[in-house]
């Protein structure tokens, strides 16, 4: 906005940036939704729609100790969730929005998810709109089929994955630095020499453990 206004008016302005205020602004919806009964029916942590209280908006452990994330809030997605889990409305403890039955539904979902591995659930829900997805490790995220198809991650010179700059611009895409971060003490002598220290002074500092050198 500041750049846009400068383009229109020719005037610059001070941009006052606060990390705390930025985080609060990102959470604007949480502040404004505090009195929405649908989202926050109780004031008890872990008993509401979006704080793991709802069985259809939570994470579940799989047979192999990994996890799946579920976010099937809308009825059409919830129906697909039940279908994928091999359940029906008839064998559920209660309707989707019956908060009194959520603990029982949570237990049922936990039992079902524990019967298959994460890979099996990925295969089962892969082409579904049930809003069910795997919770991946850093390595798993980098090698995920969708991220690999888009080239969302690239390897640095040490072979570790790093995210590609985003958003991706067609004319002026960002360039990732593929060099890895230096190790502690890797450039001690070079840095001290740039500050005017002599070799004898540097050796003295290293000998007395004032600085570290690889």
N, C-alpha and C. Protein backbone atom coordinates (compact mmCIF):
# COMPACT_ATOMS: atom_id res chain seq x y z
N UNK A 1 0.82 -1.20 0.00
CA UNK A 1 0.00 0.00 0.00
C UNK A 1 0.86 1.26 0.00
N UNK A 2 1.96 1.21 0.76
CA UNK A 2 2.85 2.38 0.82
C UNK A 2 3.46 2.66 -0.55
N UNK A 3 3.88 1.59 -1.24
CA UNK A 3 4.45 1.77 -2.58
C UNK A 3 3.40 2.23 -3.57
N UNK A 4 2.19 1.71 -3.45
CA UNK A 4 1.11 2.11 -4.34
C UNK A 4 0.77 3.58 -4.14
N UNK A 5 0.71 3.99 -2.88
CA UNK A 5 0.41 5.40 -2.59
C UNK A 5 1.52 6.32 -3.07
N UNK A 6 2.77 5.86 -2.95
CA UNK A 6 3.89 6.66 -3.45
C UNK A 6 3.80 6.84 -4.96
N UNK A 7 3.40 5.76 -5.65
CA UNK A 7 3.27 5.84 -7.10
C UNK A 7 2.21 6.86 -7.50
N UNK A 8 1.13 6.93 -6.71
CA UNK A 8 0.04 7.86 -7.03
C UNK A 8 0.35 9.29 -6.61
N UNK A 9 0.98 9.46 -5.45
CA UNK A 9 1.14 10.81 -4.88
C UNK A 9 2.57 11.34 -4.94
N UNK A 10 3.53 10.43 -5.11
CA UNK A 10 4.92 10.86 -5.09
C UNK A 10 5.46 11.07 -3.70
N UNK A 11 4.68 10.75 -2.67
CA UNK A 11 5.10 10.96 -1.29
C UNK A 11 5.40 9.61 -0.61
N UNK A 12 6.47 9.61 0.14
CA UNK A 12 6.79 8.43 0.95
C UNK A 12 6.13 8.53 2.31
N UNK A 13 6.29 7.47 3.11
CA UNK A 13 5.72 7.49 4.46
C UNK A 13 6.48 6.51 5.34
N UNK A 14 6.35 6.67 6.64
CA UNK A 14 6.98 5.76 7.59
C UNK A 14 6.13 4.49 7.71
N UNK A 15 6.77 3.34 7.60
CA UNK A 15 6.08 2.06 7.77
C UNK A 15 6.45 1.52 9.14
N UNK A 16 5.52 1.58 10.07
CA UNK A 16 5.72 1.13 11.45
C UNK A 16 5.33 -0.34 11.54
N UNK A 17 6.33 -1.22 11.65
CA UNK A 17 6.08 -2.67 11.62
C UNK A 17 6.33 -3.28 13.00
N UNK A 18 5.34 -4.02 13.50
CA UNK A 18 5.46 -4.71 14.79
C UNK A 18 5.09 -6.18 14.60
N UNK A 19 5.98 -7.06 15.00
CA UNK A 19 5.70 -8.49 14.88
C UNK A 19 4.48 -8.89 15.70
N UNK A 20 4.37 -8.32 16.90
CA UNK A 20 3.25 -8.64 17.78
C UNK A 20 1.93 -8.22 17.15
N UNK A 21 1.89 -6.99 16.63
CA UNK A 21 0.67 -6.50 16.01
C UNK A 21 0.36 -7.25 14.72
N UNK A 22 1.40 -7.65 14.00
CA UNK A 22 1.19 -8.43 12.78
C UNK A 22 0.57 -9.78 13.10
N UNK A 23 1.07 -10.43 14.15
CA UNK A 23 0.51 -11.72 14.56
C UNK A 23 -0.94 -11.57 15.01
N UNK A 24 -1.22 -10.49 15.73
CA UNK A 24 -2.59 -10.25 16.19
C UNK A 24 -3.52 -10.02 15.00
N UNK A 25 -3.03 -9.30 14.00
CA UNK A 25 -3.87 -9.00 12.84
C UNK A 25 -4.17 -10.26 12.03
N UNK A 26 -3.18 -11.13 11.93
CA UNK A 26 -3.40 -12.41 11.24
C UNK A 26 -4.49 -13.20 11.95
N UNK A 27 -4.59 -13.03 13.26
CA UNK A 27 -5.59 -13.75 14.06
C UNK A 27 -6.89 -12.97 14.20
N UNK A 28 -7.13 -12.02 13.31
CA UNK A 28 -8.34 -11.18 13.41
C UNK A 28 -9.61 -12.00 13.52
N UNK A 29 -9.68 -13.07 12.73
CA UNK A 29 -10.91 -13.86 12.73
C UNK A 29 -11.17 -14.48 14.11
N UNK A 30 -10.10 -14.91 14.78
CA UNK A 30 -10.27 -15.50 16.11
C UNK A 30 -10.83 -14.48 17.09
N UNK A 31 -10.38 -13.24 16.98
CA UNK A 31 -10.89 -12.19 17.86
C UNK A 31 -12.36 -11.91 17.57
N UNK A 32 -12.70 -11.84 16.31
CA UNK A 32 -14.07 -11.47 15.93
C UNK A 32 -15.06 -12.61 16.12
N UNK A 33 -14.56 -13.84 16.18
CA UNK A 33 -15.47 -14.99 16.25
C UNK A 33 -15.70 -15.48 17.68
N UNK A 34 -15.18 -14.78 18.66
CA UNK A 34 -15.25 -15.27 20.04
C UNK A 34 -16.66 -15.57 20.52
N UNK A 35 -17.62 -14.83 20.01
CA UNK A 35 -19.00 -15.01 20.47
C UNK A 35 -19.86 -15.82 19.51
N UNK A 36 -19.21 -16.45 18.52
CA UNK A 36 -19.96 -17.31 17.61
C UNK A 36 -20.21 -18.66 18.29
N UNK A 37 -21.45 -18.93 18.60
CA UNK A 37 -21.81 -20.14 19.34
C UNK A 37 -21.42 -21.39 18.58
N UNK A 38 -21.50 -21.36 17.25
CA UNK A 38 -21.18 -22.53 16.45
C UNK A 38 -19.71 -22.92 16.62
N UNK A 39 -18.83 -21.93 16.66
CA UNK A 39 -17.39 -22.21 16.74
C UNK A 39 -16.91 -22.43 18.16
N UNK A 40 -17.44 -21.64 19.09
CA UNK A 40 -16.97 -21.69 20.47
C UNK A 40 -18.16 -21.89 21.41
N UNK A 41 -18.78 -23.07 21.37
CA UNK A 41 -19.95 -23.32 22.22
C UNK A 41 -19.64 -23.35 23.71
N UNK A 42 -18.39 -23.59 24.06
CA UNK A 42 -17.99 -23.58 25.47
C UNK A 42 -16.76 -22.69 25.62
N UNK A 43 -16.42 -22.37 26.84
CA UNK A 43 -15.19 -21.64 27.11
C UNK A 43 -14.10 -22.59 27.61
N UNK A 44 -14.32 -23.87 27.41
CA UNK A 44 -13.39 -24.88 27.88
C UNK A 44 -12.46 -25.29 26.74
N UNK A 45 -11.17 -25.22 26.96
CA UNK A 45 -10.21 -25.57 25.93
C UNK A 45 -10.36 -27.04 25.52
N UNK A 46 -10.34 -27.27 24.20
CA UNK A 46 -10.45 -28.64 23.70
C UNK A 46 -11.87 -29.16 23.62
N UNK A 47 -12.87 -28.27 23.75
CA UNK A 47 -14.27 -28.70 23.70
C UNK A 47 -15.06 -27.94 22.63
N UNK A 48 -14.34 -27.27 21.72
CA UNK A 48 -15.00 -26.44 20.73
C UNK A 48 -14.71 -26.92 19.32
N UNK A 49 -15.26 -26.22 18.36
CA UNK A 49 -15.20 -26.67 16.97
C UNK A 49 -13.78 -26.73 16.42
N UNK A 50 -12.97 -25.71 16.73
CA UNK A 50 -11.67 -25.59 16.07
C UNK A 50 -10.47 -25.85 16.98
N UNK A 51 -10.70 -26.34 18.18
CA UNK A 51 -9.58 -26.56 19.11
C UNK A 51 -9.47 -28.02 19.53
N UNK A 52 -9.74 -28.93 18.62
CA UNK A 52 -9.70 -30.40 18.78
C UNK A 52 -10.92 -30.94 19.50
N UNK A 53 -11.91 -30.10 19.77
CA UNK A 53 -13.11 -30.61 20.41
C UNK A 53 -13.99 -31.40 19.46
N UNK A 54 -14.05 -30.94 18.20
CA UNK A 54 -14.90 -31.61 17.21
C UNK A 54 -14.17 -32.81 16.62
N UNK A 55 -14.79 -33.95 16.56
CA UNK A 55 -14.14 -35.16 16.02
C UNK A 55 -13.81 -35.04 14.54
N UNK A 56 -14.54 -34.18 13.84
CA UNK A 56 -14.31 -34.02 12.39
C UNK A 56 -13.34 -32.89 12.10
N UNK A 57 -12.67 -32.34 13.15
CA UNK A 57 -11.66 -31.31 12.97
C UNK A 57 -10.55 -31.57 13.97
N UNK A 58 -9.75 -32.60 13.67
CA UNK A 58 -8.76 -33.06 14.65
C UNK A 58 -7.69 -33.86 13.93
N UNK A 59 -6.76 -34.41 14.69
CA UNK A 59 -5.73 -35.28 14.14
C UNK A 59 -5.85 -36.65 14.79
N UNK A 60 -5.47 -37.69 14.03
CA UNK A 60 -5.62 -39.06 14.53
C UNK A 60 -4.38 -39.88 14.23
N UNK A 61 -3.99 -40.70 15.20
CA UNK A 61 -2.82 -41.56 15.04
C UNK A 61 -3.18 -42.78 14.21
N UNK A 62 -2.27 -43.16 13.33
CA UNK A 62 -2.49 -44.32 12.48
C UNK A 62 -1.79 -45.54 13.07
N UNK A 63 -1.98 -46.67 12.42
CA UNK A 63 -1.45 -47.93 12.94
C UNK A 63 0.06 -47.91 13.09
N UNK A 64 0.75 -47.16 12.23
CA UNK A 64 2.21 -47.12 12.26
C UNK A 64 2.77 -45.94 13.04
N UNK A 65 1.95 -45.34 13.90
CA UNK A 65 2.43 -44.26 14.75
C UNK A 65 2.54 -42.92 14.08
N UNK A 66 2.00 -42.79 12.88
CA UNK A 66 1.97 -41.51 12.18
C UNK A 66 0.58 -40.90 12.37
N UNK A 67 0.32 -39.78 11.68
CA UNK A 67 -0.94 -39.07 11.94
C UNK A 67 -1.61 -38.60 10.65
N UNK A 68 -2.94 -38.48 10.76
CA UNK A 68 -3.75 -37.91 9.68
C UNK A 68 -4.50 -36.71 10.25
N UNK A 69 -4.66 -35.67 9.42
CA UNK A 69 -5.41 -34.48 9.82
C UNK A 69 -6.78 -34.51 9.17
N UNK A 70 -7.78 -34.15 9.94
CA UNK A 70 -9.17 -34.16 9.45
C UNK A 70 -9.76 -32.77 9.63
N UNK A 71 -10.37 -32.24 8.57
CA UNK A 71 -11.01 -30.92 8.64
C UNK A 71 -12.33 -30.90 7.90
N UNK A 72 -13.14 -31.93 8.13
CA UNK A 72 -14.38 -32.10 7.39
C UNK A 72 -15.55 -31.41 8.10
N UNK A 73 -15.56 -30.09 8.09
CA UNK A 73 -16.61 -29.34 8.79
C UNK A 73 -17.92 -29.33 8.03
N UNK A 74 -17.87 -29.01 6.74
CA UNK A 74 -19.09 -28.92 5.95
C UNK A 74 -19.74 -30.30 5.80
N UNK A 75 -21.08 -30.37 5.78
CA UNK A 75 -21.79 -31.66 5.73
C UNK A 75 -21.35 -32.56 4.59
N UNK A 76 -21.12 -31.98 3.40
CA UNK A 76 -20.73 -32.80 2.25
C UNK A 76 -19.36 -33.44 2.45
N UNK A 77 -18.46 -32.72 3.13
CA UNK A 77 -17.14 -33.28 3.40
C UNK A 77 -17.22 -34.30 4.53
N UNK A 78 -18.07 -34.03 5.49
CA UNK A 78 -18.26 -34.97 6.61
C UNK A 78 -18.81 -36.30 6.10
N UNK A 79 -19.72 -36.23 5.13
CA UNK A 79 -20.29 -37.46 4.57
C UNK A 79 -19.20 -38.28 3.88
N UNK A 80 -18.29 -37.60 3.18
CA UNK A 80 -17.20 -38.30 2.52
C UNK A 80 -16.21 -38.86 3.54
N UNK A 81 -16.03 -38.16 4.66
CA UNK A 81 -15.17 -38.66 5.73
C UNK A 81 -15.72 -39.98 6.27
N UNK A 82 -17.01 -40.00 6.57
CA UNK A 82 -17.63 -41.22 7.08
C UNK A 82 -17.51 -42.35 6.07
N UNK A 83 -17.72 -42.03 4.80
CA UNK A 83 -17.62 -43.04 3.75
C UNK A 83 -16.23 -43.64 3.71
N UNK A 84 -15.21 -42.78 3.79
CA UNK A 84 -13.83 -43.26 3.76
C UNK A 84 -13.48 -44.11 4.97
N UNK A 85 -14.08 -43.79 6.09
CA UNK A 85 -13.82 -44.55 7.32
C UNK A 85 -14.66 -45.82 7.41
N UNK A 86 -15.54 -46.00 6.43
CA UNK A 86 -16.40 -47.18 6.46
C UNK A 86 -17.53 -47.06 7.46
N UNK A 87 -17.93 -45.83 7.75
CA UNK A 87 -19.02 -45.57 8.71
C UNK A 87 -20.22 -44.96 8.01
N UNK A 88 -21.35 -44.98 8.68
CA UNK A 88 -22.56 -44.33 8.18
C UNK A 88 -23.17 -43.50 9.30
N UNK A 89 -24.06 -42.60 8.94
CA UNK A 89 -24.74 -41.78 9.95
C UNK A 89 -25.47 -42.67 10.96
N UNK A 90 -25.98 -43.80 10.48
CA UNK A 90 -26.77 -44.68 11.34
C UNK A 90 -25.94 -45.30 12.47
N UNK A 91 -24.65 -45.59 12.22
CA UNK A 91 -23.87 -46.21 13.28
C UNK A 91 -22.99 -45.22 14.02
N UNK A 92 -23.29 -43.92 13.87
CA UNK A 92 -22.59 -42.90 14.65
C UNK A 92 -23.33 -42.67 15.96
N UNK A 93 -22.63 -42.26 17.01
CA UNK A 93 -23.28 -42.01 18.31
C UNK A 93 -24.32 -40.92 18.26
N UNK A 94 -24.21 -40.01 17.28
CA UNK A 94 -25.16 -38.91 17.18
C UNK A 94 -24.89 -38.10 15.93
N UNK A 95 -25.70 -37.06 15.68
CA UNK A 95 -25.51 -36.19 14.52
C UNK A 95 -24.17 -35.46 14.59
N UNK A 96 -23.69 -34.99 13.46
CA UNK A 96 -22.40 -34.32 13.38
C UNK A 96 -22.27 -33.16 14.37
N UNK A 97 -23.31 -32.36 14.51
CA UNK A 97 -23.20 -31.13 15.31
C UNK A 97 -23.67 -31.31 16.76
N UNK A 98 -23.90 -32.55 17.19
CA UNK A 98 -24.32 -32.79 18.57
C UNK A 98 -23.08 -32.81 19.46
N UNK A 99 -22.78 -31.69 20.08
CA UNK A 99 -21.56 -31.54 20.88
C UNK A 99 -21.50 -32.54 22.03
N UNK A 100 -22.66 -32.96 22.52
CA UNK A 100 -22.68 -33.90 23.63
C UNK A 100 -22.12 -35.26 23.23
N UNK A 101 -22.19 -35.58 21.94
CA UNK A 101 -21.73 -36.88 21.44
C UNK A 101 -20.31 -36.82 20.88
N UNK A 102 -19.73 -35.63 20.85
CA UNK A 102 -18.40 -35.51 20.25
C UNK A 102 -17.35 -36.41 20.90
N UNK A 103 -17.29 -36.54 22.23
CA UNK A 103 -16.28 -37.44 22.82
C UNK A 103 -16.42 -38.89 22.33
N UNK A 104 -17.65 -39.37 22.21
CA UNK A 104 -17.87 -40.73 21.72
C UNK A 104 -17.46 -40.85 20.26
N UNK A 105 -17.79 -39.85 19.47
CA UNK A 105 -17.42 -39.85 18.06
C UNK A 105 -15.90 -39.79 17.90
N UNK A 106 -15.27 -39.01 18.78
CA UNK A 106 -13.81 -38.90 18.77
C UNK A 106 -13.17 -40.26 19.01
N UNK A 107 -13.70 -40.98 19.97
CA UNK A 107 -13.18 -42.31 20.30
C UNK A 107 -13.38 -43.26 19.12
N UNK A 108 -14.51 -43.20 18.48
CA UNK A 108 -14.80 -44.06 17.35
C UNK A 108 -13.83 -43.77 16.20
N UNK A 109 -13.65 -42.50 15.88
CA UNK A 109 -12.73 -42.13 14.80
C UNK A 109 -11.31 -42.58 15.13
N UNK A 110 -10.90 -42.42 16.38
CA UNK A 110 -9.56 -42.83 16.80
C UNK A 110 -9.36 -44.33 16.59
N UNK A 111 -10.35 -45.10 16.96
CA UNK A 111 -10.27 -46.56 16.80
C UNK A 111 -10.16 -46.95 15.34
N UNK A 112 -10.91 -46.28 14.48
CA UNK A 112 -10.90 -46.62 13.06
C UNK A 112 -9.57 -46.23 12.41
N UNK A 113 -9.09 -45.02 12.68
CA UNK A 113 -7.82 -44.58 12.09
C UNK A 113 -6.66 -45.47 12.53
N UNK A 114 -6.75 -46.03 13.72
CA UNK A 114 -5.67 -46.87 14.24
C UNK A 114 -5.59 -48.23 13.56
N UNK A 115 -6.54 -48.54 12.70
CA UNK A 115 -6.58 -49.85 12.06
C UNK A 115 -5.79 -49.90 10.75
N UNK A 116 -5.37 -48.73 10.23
CA UNK A 116 -4.62 -48.70 8.97
C UNK A 116 -3.38 -47.83 9.12
N UNK A 117 -2.40 -48.07 8.27
CA UNK A 117 -1.21 -47.23 8.27
C UNK A 117 -1.51 -45.91 7.58
N UNK A 118 -0.61 -44.94 7.78
CA UNK A 118 -0.79 -43.65 7.14
C UNK A 118 -0.83 -43.81 5.61
N UNK A 119 0.05 -44.64 5.08
CA UNK A 119 0.08 -44.85 3.64
C UNK A 119 -1.24 -45.40 3.12
N UNK A 120 -1.85 -46.28 3.89
CA UNK A 120 -3.14 -46.85 3.48
C UNK A 120 -4.23 -45.77 3.50
N UNK A 121 -4.20 -44.90 4.51
CA UNK A 121 -5.21 -43.82 4.55
C UNK A 121 -4.97 -42.81 3.43
N UNK A 122 -3.72 -42.56 3.10
CA UNK A 122 -3.42 -41.65 1.98
C UNK A 122 -3.99 -42.22 0.70
N UNK A 123 -3.81 -43.49 0.51
CA UNK A 123 -4.34 -44.15 -0.69
C UNK A 123 -5.86 -44.09 -0.70
N UNK A 124 -6.47 -44.30 0.44
CA UNK A 124 -7.93 -44.33 0.52
C UNK A 124 -8.55 -42.96 0.30
N UNK A 125 -7.94 -41.92 0.86
CA UNK A 125 -8.52 -40.58 0.76
C UNK A 125 -7.86 -39.72 -0.32
N UNK A 126 -6.94 -40.32 -1.06
CA UNK A 126 -6.16 -39.55 -2.03
C UNK A 126 -6.96 -38.74 -3.03
N UNK A 127 -8.00 -39.32 -3.59
CA UNK A 127 -8.82 -38.64 -4.60
C UNK A 127 -10.15 -38.17 -4.04
N UNK A 128 -10.26 -38.12 -2.73
CA UNK A 128 -11.52 -37.74 -2.09
C UNK A 128 -11.50 -36.28 -1.67
N UNK A 129 -12.69 -35.68 -1.57
CA UNK A 129 -12.82 -34.31 -1.07
C UNK A 129 -13.21 -34.31 0.41
N UNK A 130 -12.79 -35.33 1.13
CA UNK A 130 -13.18 -35.48 2.53
C UNK A 130 -12.38 -34.58 3.48
N UNK A 131 -11.42 -33.82 2.94
CA UNK A 131 -10.58 -32.95 3.78
C UNK A 131 -9.79 -33.77 4.80
N UNK A 132 -9.20 -34.85 4.33
CA UNK A 132 -8.34 -35.70 5.15
C UNK A 132 -6.97 -35.74 4.48
N UNK A 133 -5.93 -35.44 5.24
CA UNK A 133 -4.59 -35.39 4.66
C UNK A 133 -3.56 -35.88 5.67
N UNK A 134 -2.41 -36.34 5.20
CA UNK A 134 -1.38 -36.83 6.12
C UNK A 134 -0.63 -35.68 6.78
N UNK A 135 -0.20 -35.89 8.02
CA UNK A 135 0.70 -34.97 8.69
C UNK A 135 2.11 -35.47 8.42
N UNK A 136 2.87 -34.70 7.68
CA UNK A 136 4.15 -35.17 7.15
C UNK A 136 5.33 -34.63 7.95
N UNK A 137 6.42 -35.35 7.91
CA UNK A 137 7.69 -34.86 8.42
C UNK A 137 8.24 -33.84 7.43
N UNK A 138 9.32 -33.15 7.79
CA UNK A 138 9.94 -32.22 6.85
C UNK A 138 10.37 -32.94 5.58
N UNK A 139 10.98 -34.10 5.75
CA UNK A 139 11.40 -34.89 4.58
C UNK A 139 10.18 -35.33 3.77
N UNK A 140 9.13 -35.74 4.48
CA UNK A 140 7.93 -36.19 3.79
C UNK A 140 7.25 -35.08 3.01
N UNK A 141 7.27 -33.86 3.56
CA UNK A 141 6.67 -32.72 2.87
C UNK A 141 7.43 -32.42 1.58
N UNK A 142 8.76 -32.50 1.66
CA UNK A 142 9.58 -32.19 0.49
C UNK A 142 9.40 -33.21 -0.62
N UNK A 143 9.14 -34.46 -0.24
CA UNK A 143 9.01 -35.53 -1.25
C UNK A 143 7.56 -35.87 -1.55
N UNK A 144 6.63 -35.09 -1.01
CA UNK A 144 5.21 -35.31 -1.31
C UNK A 144 4.98 -35.18 -2.81
N UNK A 145 4.12 -36.00 -3.35
CA UNK A 145 3.93 -36.06 -4.79
C UNK A 145 3.49 -34.72 -5.37
N UNK A 146 2.66 -33.98 -4.64
CA UNK A 146 2.19 -32.69 -5.14
C UNK A 146 3.32 -31.65 -5.12
N UNK A 147 4.09 -31.65 -4.03
CA UNK A 147 5.19 -30.70 -3.94
C UNK A 147 6.29 -31.01 -4.93
N UNK A 148 6.52 -32.31 -5.18
CA UNK A 148 7.52 -32.68 -6.18
C UNK A 148 7.08 -32.26 -7.57
N UNK A 149 5.80 -32.39 -7.84
CA UNK A 149 5.30 -32.01 -9.16
C UNK A 149 5.46 -30.52 -9.42
N UNK A 150 5.36 -29.71 -8.39
CA UNK A 150 5.50 -28.26 -8.53
C UNK A 150 6.93 -27.78 -8.29
N UNK A 151 7.80 -28.68 -7.85
CA UNK A 151 9.15 -28.27 -7.55
C UNK A 151 9.20 -27.31 -6.36
N UNK A 152 8.36 -27.56 -5.36
CA UNK A 152 8.22 -26.64 -4.23
C UNK A 152 9.45 -26.63 -3.33
N UNK A 153 10.27 -27.68 -3.41
CA UNK A 153 11.48 -27.75 -2.60
C UNK A 153 12.67 -28.07 -3.49
N UNK A 154 13.84 -27.64 -3.07
CA UNK A 154 15.06 -27.97 -3.79
C UNK A 154 16.15 -28.30 -2.79
N UNK A 155 17.17 -29.01 -3.27
CA UNK A 155 18.25 -29.43 -2.38
C UNK A 155 19.40 -28.43 -2.39
N UNK A 156 20.00 -28.22 -1.20
CA UNK A 156 21.19 -27.38 -1.15
C UNK A 156 22.43 -28.24 -1.40
N UNK A 157 23.60 -27.64 -1.29
CA UNK A 157 24.82 -28.37 -1.64
C UNK A 157 25.12 -29.53 -0.70
N UNK A 158 24.48 -29.55 0.48
CA UNK A 158 24.65 -30.67 1.41
C UNK A 158 23.61 -31.75 1.21
N UNK A 159 22.70 -31.53 0.27
CA UNK A 159 21.67 -32.52 0.01
C UNK A 159 20.41 -32.34 0.82
N UNK A 160 20.36 -31.32 1.70
CA UNK A 160 19.16 -31.07 2.49
C UNK A 160 18.14 -30.29 1.66
N UNK A 161 16.87 -30.50 1.98
CA UNK A 161 15.80 -29.80 1.27
C UNK A 161 15.59 -28.39 1.83
N UNK A 162 15.28 -27.47 0.94
CA UNK A 162 14.90 -26.12 1.32
C UNK A 162 13.74 -25.67 0.44
N UNK A 163 12.81 -24.86 0.97
CA UNK A 163 11.68 -24.41 0.17
C UNK A 163 12.12 -23.48 -0.96
N UNK A 164 11.47 -23.61 -2.09
CA UNK A 164 11.67 -22.69 -3.19
C UNK A 164 10.99 -21.36 -2.85
N UNK A 165 11.54 -20.23 -3.28
CA UNK A 165 10.88 -18.95 -2.99
C UNK A 165 9.44 -18.92 -3.49
N UNK A 166 8.56 -18.33 -2.72
CA UNK A 166 7.15 -18.23 -3.08
C UNK A 166 6.65 -16.84 -2.72
N UNK A 167 5.66 -16.31 -3.43
CA UNK A 167 5.00 -16.90 -4.59
C UNK A 167 5.91 -16.98 -5.80
N UNK A 168 5.55 -17.82 -6.75
CA UNK A 168 6.35 -18.04 -7.94
C UNK A 168 5.96 -17.01 -9.01
N UNK A 169 6.90 -16.16 -9.39
CA UNK A 169 6.65 -15.12 -10.38
C UNK A 169 7.10 -15.61 -11.76
N UNK A 170 6.28 -15.37 -12.77
CA UNK A 170 6.58 -15.88 -14.11
C UNK A 170 7.74 -15.16 -14.77
N UNK A 171 7.87 -13.85 -14.52
CA UNK A 171 8.91 -13.06 -15.17
C UNK A 171 10.16 -12.87 -14.31
N UNK A 172 9.97 -12.74 -13.02
CA UNK A 172 11.11 -12.50 -12.12
C UNK A 172 11.07 -13.45 -10.92
N UNK A 173 11.22 -14.75 -11.17
CA UNK A 173 11.16 -15.70 -10.05
C UNK A 173 12.33 -15.53 -9.10
N UNK A 174 12.08 -15.79 -7.82
CA UNK A 174 13.14 -15.71 -6.83
C UNK A 174 14.14 -16.85 -7.01
N UNK A 175 15.33 -16.64 -6.54
CA UNK A 175 16.39 -17.65 -6.66
C UNK A 175 16.79 -18.11 -5.27
N UNK A 176 16.81 -19.42 -5.07
CA UNK A 176 17.19 -19.99 -3.78
C UNK A 176 18.70 -20.11 -3.69
N UNK A 177 19.25 -19.73 -2.56
CA UNK A 177 20.67 -19.92 -2.31
C UNK A 177 20.90 -21.38 -1.93
N UNK A 178 21.59 -22.12 -2.81
CA UNK A 178 21.76 -23.55 -2.59
C UNK A 178 22.94 -23.87 -1.68
N UNK A 179 23.74 -22.86 -1.35
CA UNK A 179 24.84 -23.11 -0.41
C UNK A 179 24.27 -23.30 0.99
N UNK A 180 24.85 -24.23 1.72
CA UNK A 180 24.39 -24.49 3.07
C UNK A 180 24.94 -23.42 4.02
N UNK A 181 24.32 -23.29 5.19
CA UNK A 181 24.80 -22.35 6.18
C UNK A 181 26.19 -22.75 6.67
N UNK A 182 27.06 -21.79 6.94
CA UNK A 182 28.41 -22.13 7.42
C UNK A 182 28.37 -22.75 8.81
N UNK A 183 29.34 -23.60 9.09
CA UNK A 183 29.48 -24.18 10.41
C UNK A 183 30.11 -23.17 11.35
N UNK A 184 29.86 -23.32 12.65
CA UNK A 184 30.44 -22.43 13.64
C UNK A 184 31.96 -22.54 13.59
N UNK A 185 32.62 -21.41 13.43
CA UNK A 185 34.07 -21.39 13.38
C UNK A 185 34.67 -21.60 12.01
N UNK A 186 33.81 -21.79 11.01
CA UNK A 186 34.32 -22.09 9.67
C UNK A 186 35.10 -20.91 9.06
N UNK A 187 34.64 -19.69 9.36
CA UNK A 187 35.28 -18.51 8.76
C UNK A 187 35.87 -17.56 9.82
N UNK A 188 36.26 -18.13 10.95
CA UNK A 188 36.76 -17.30 12.06
C UNK A 188 37.94 -16.43 11.63
N UNK A 189 38.92 -17.04 11.02
CA UNK A 189 40.12 -16.29 10.66
C UNK A 189 39.81 -15.19 9.64
N UNK A 190 39.00 -15.53 8.63
CA UNK A 190 38.68 -14.54 7.60
C UNK A 190 37.95 -13.34 8.18
N UNK A 191 37.00 -13.60 9.09
CA UNK A 191 36.23 -12.51 9.68
C UNK A 191 37.12 -11.62 10.55
N UNK A 192 37.97 -12.24 11.37
CA UNK A 192 38.85 -11.45 12.23
C UNK A 192 39.87 -10.65 11.42
N UNK A 193 40.34 -11.23 10.32
CA UNK A 193 41.26 -10.51 9.46
C UNK A 193 40.60 -9.28 8.85
N UNK A 194 39.32 -9.41 8.50
CA UNK A 194 38.59 -8.27 7.95
C UNK A 194 38.45 -7.15 8.97
N UNK A 195 38.43 -7.52 10.28
CA UNK A 195 38.34 -6.51 11.34
C UNK A 195 39.71 -5.99 11.75
N UNK A 196 40.76 -6.43 11.06
CA UNK A 196 42.09 -5.88 11.31
C UNK A 196 42.95 -6.63 12.29
N UNK A 197 42.55 -7.81 12.72
CA UNK A 197 43.37 -8.58 13.65
C UNK A 197 44.54 -9.22 12.90
N UNK A 198 45.69 -9.25 13.55
CA UNK A 198 46.86 -9.89 12.95
C UNK A 198 46.78 -11.39 13.15
N UNK A 199 47.66 -12.12 12.45
CA UNK A 199 47.66 -13.57 12.59
C UNK A 199 48.03 -13.98 14.02
N UNK A 200 49.00 -13.27 14.62
CA UNK A 200 49.39 -13.60 15.99
C UNK A 200 48.24 -13.37 16.97
N UNK A 201 47.51 -12.27 16.77
CA UNK A 201 46.36 -11.97 17.64
C UNK A 201 45.27 -13.03 17.47
N UNK A 202 45.04 -13.43 16.25
CA UNK A 202 44.01 -14.45 15.98
C UNK A 202 44.40 -15.78 16.62
N UNK A 203 45.67 -16.16 16.45
CA UNK A 203 46.16 -17.41 17.06
C UNK A 203 46.01 -17.37 18.58
N UNK A 204 46.28 -16.20 19.17
CA UNK A 204 46.15 -16.04 20.62
C UNK A 204 44.69 -16.23 21.06
N UNK A 205 43.78 -15.64 20.32
CA UNK A 205 42.36 -15.76 20.65
C UNK A 205 41.88 -17.20 20.54
N UNK A 206 42.36 -17.89 19.51
CA UNK A 206 41.96 -19.28 19.31
C UNK A 206 42.55 -20.17 20.40
N UNK A 207 43.83 -19.94 20.73
CA UNK A 207 44.52 -20.74 21.75
C UNK A 207 43.85 -20.62 23.11
N UNK A 208 43.31 -19.43 23.41
CA UNK A 208 42.69 -19.19 24.72
C UNK A 208 41.17 -19.37 24.69
N UNK A 209 40.70 -20.02 23.64
CA UNK A 209 39.27 -20.35 23.51
C UNK A 209 38.37 -19.13 23.56
N UNK A 210 38.90 -17.98 23.15
CA UNK A 210 38.06 -16.78 23.06
C UNK A 210 37.14 -16.89 21.85
N UNK A 211 37.68 -17.45 20.78
CA UNK A 211 36.88 -17.71 19.56
C UNK A 211 37.07 -19.15 19.18
N UNK A 212 36.20 -19.63 18.32
CA UNK A 212 36.25 -21.02 17.90
C UNK A 212 36.64 -21.11 16.44
N UNK A 213 37.42 -22.10 16.11
CA UNK A 213 37.85 -22.31 14.71
C UNK A 213 37.82 -23.79 14.39
N UNK A 214 37.28 -24.09 13.24
CA UNK A 214 37.25 -25.48 12.81
C UNK A 214 38.64 -25.94 12.41
